[in-house]
Amino acid sequence: MRWTSMLAIYFLFWALSVFLVLPFGVRTHEEAGVTRVPGQADSAPHDFRPWRIAARVTIVATVLFALFLLNYFAGWISPEMFVIGNV
């Protein structure tokens, strides 16, 4: 596998991991006991930290990508395993 393909696949894992990590650890203003700004959504996070989220996403994406690469080189799961019957 070329390094450009691995980079593209890692980016896909990173984009997927954003949706996996983003909902965890979010506290609204009501949960934090702080007053909301007028016009603010009820579900808006109290303390949004994009660098912390990016670090968590990078860790999750790296673990998932490492598992993908291990499977790619070791061949634990192959497409033939998903064939139901002989056609």
Protein backbone atom coordinates (compact mmCIF):
# COMPACT_ATOMS: atom_id res chain seq x y z
CA MET A 1 0.00 0.00 0.00
CA ARG A 2 1.36 3.41 -0.92
CA TRP A 3 1.84 6.10 1.71
CA THR A 4 -0.65 8.40 -0.05
CA SER A 5 -3.33 5.72 0.22
CA MET A 6 -2.52 5.24 3.88
CA LEU A 7 -2.76 8.99 4.47
CA ALA A 8 -6.15 9.16 2.74
CA ILE A 9 -7.47 6.21 4.74
CA TYR A 10 -6.18 7.76 7.98
CA PHE A 11 -8.02 10.98 7.12
CA LEU A 12 -11.22 8.97 6.63
CA PHE A 13 -10.71 7.32 10.02
CA TRP A 14 -10.09 10.75 11.55
CA ALA A 15 -13.31 12.15 10.03
CA LEU A 16 -15.26 9.13 11.31
CA SER A 17 -13.74 9.51 14.76
CA VAL A 18 -14.97 13.09 15.02
CA PHE A 19 -18.53 11.80 15.04
CA LEU A 20 -17.62 9.09 17.55
CA VAL A 21 -15.85 11.40 20.02
CA LEU A 22 -17.79 14.67 19.76
CA PRO A 23 -20.85 13.71 21.88
CA PHE A 24 -18.80 12.53 24.87
CA GLY A 25 -17.88 14.89 27.69
CA VAL A 26 -20.15 17.71 26.57
CA ARG A 27 -21.83 19.65 29.37
CA THR A 28 -24.52 22.21 28.69
CA HIS A 29 -24.82 25.47 30.59
CA GLU A 30 -27.68 24.02 32.62
CA GLU A 31 -25.57 21.01 33.67
CA ALA A 32 -22.66 23.31 34.55
CA GLY A 33 -24.93 25.64 36.55
CA VAL A 34 -24.11 28.72 34.48
CA THR A 35 -26.59 31.17 32.96
CA ARG A 36 -27.06 31.04 29.21
CA VAL A 37 -26.48 33.87 26.80
CA PRO A 38 -29.77 35.17 25.34
CA GLY A 39 -30.50 33.40 22.06
CA GLN A 40 -28.20 30.48 22.82
CA ALA A 41 -29.41 26.95 22.05
CA ASP A 42 -30.28 24.74 25.01
CA SER A 43 -27.86 22.07 23.77
CA ALA A 44 -24.87 24.39 23.25
CA PRO A 45 -21.76 23.24 25.13
CA HIS A 46 -20.68 25.23 28.17
CA ASP A 47 -16.93 25.04 27.60
CA PHE A 48 -16.00 24.08 24.04
CA ARG A 49 -12.34 23.02 23.77
CA PRO A 50 -11.50 22.18 20.16
CA TRP A 51 -7.86 21.22 20.87
CA ARG A 52 -8.90 18.68 23.49
CA ILE A 53 -11.47 17.20 21.12
CA ALA A 54 -8.91 17.10 18.29
CA ALA A 55 -6.46 15.26 20.55
CA ARG A 56 -9.09 12.69 21.52
CA VAL A 57 -10.13 12.26 17.90
CA THR A 58 -6.51 11.77 16.85
CA ILE A 59 -6.00 9.08 19.48
CA VAL A 60 -9.15 7.18 18.47
CA ALA A 61 -8.35 7.51 14.76
CA THR A 62 -4.78 6.30 15.29
CA VAL A 63 -5.93 3.22 17.20
CA LEU A 64 -8.56 2.38 14.56
CA PHE A 65 -6.07 2.95 11.74
CA ALA A 66 -3.48 0.75 13.46
CA LEU A 67 -6.05 -2.04 13.69
CA PHE A 68 -6.87 -1.52 10.02
CA LEU A 69 -3.19 -1.75 9.03
CA LEU A 70 -2.64 -4.84 11.17
CA ASN A 71 -5.60 -6.48 9.48
CA TYR A 72 -4.36 -5.37 6.05
CA PHE A 73 -0.95 -6.97 6.51
CA ALA A 74 -1.98 -9.98 8.63
CA GLY A 75 -5.18 -10.77 6.72
CA TRP A 76 -7.35 -11.60 9.72
CA ILE A 77 -10.56 -10.55 7.96
CA SER A 78 -10.80 -10.87 4.21
CA PRO A 79 -13.62 -10.08 1.76
CA GLU A 80 -14.07 -13.82 1.11
CA MET A 81 -15.28 -14.24 4.70
CA PHE A 82 -18.41 -12.22 3.86
CA VAL A 83 -19.50 -14.38 0.92
CA ILE A 84 -22.70 -16.19 1.88
CA GLY A 85 -22.74 -18.89 -0.73
CA ASN A 86 -21.07 -19.96 -3.92
CA VAL A 87 -22.64 -18.33 -6.95
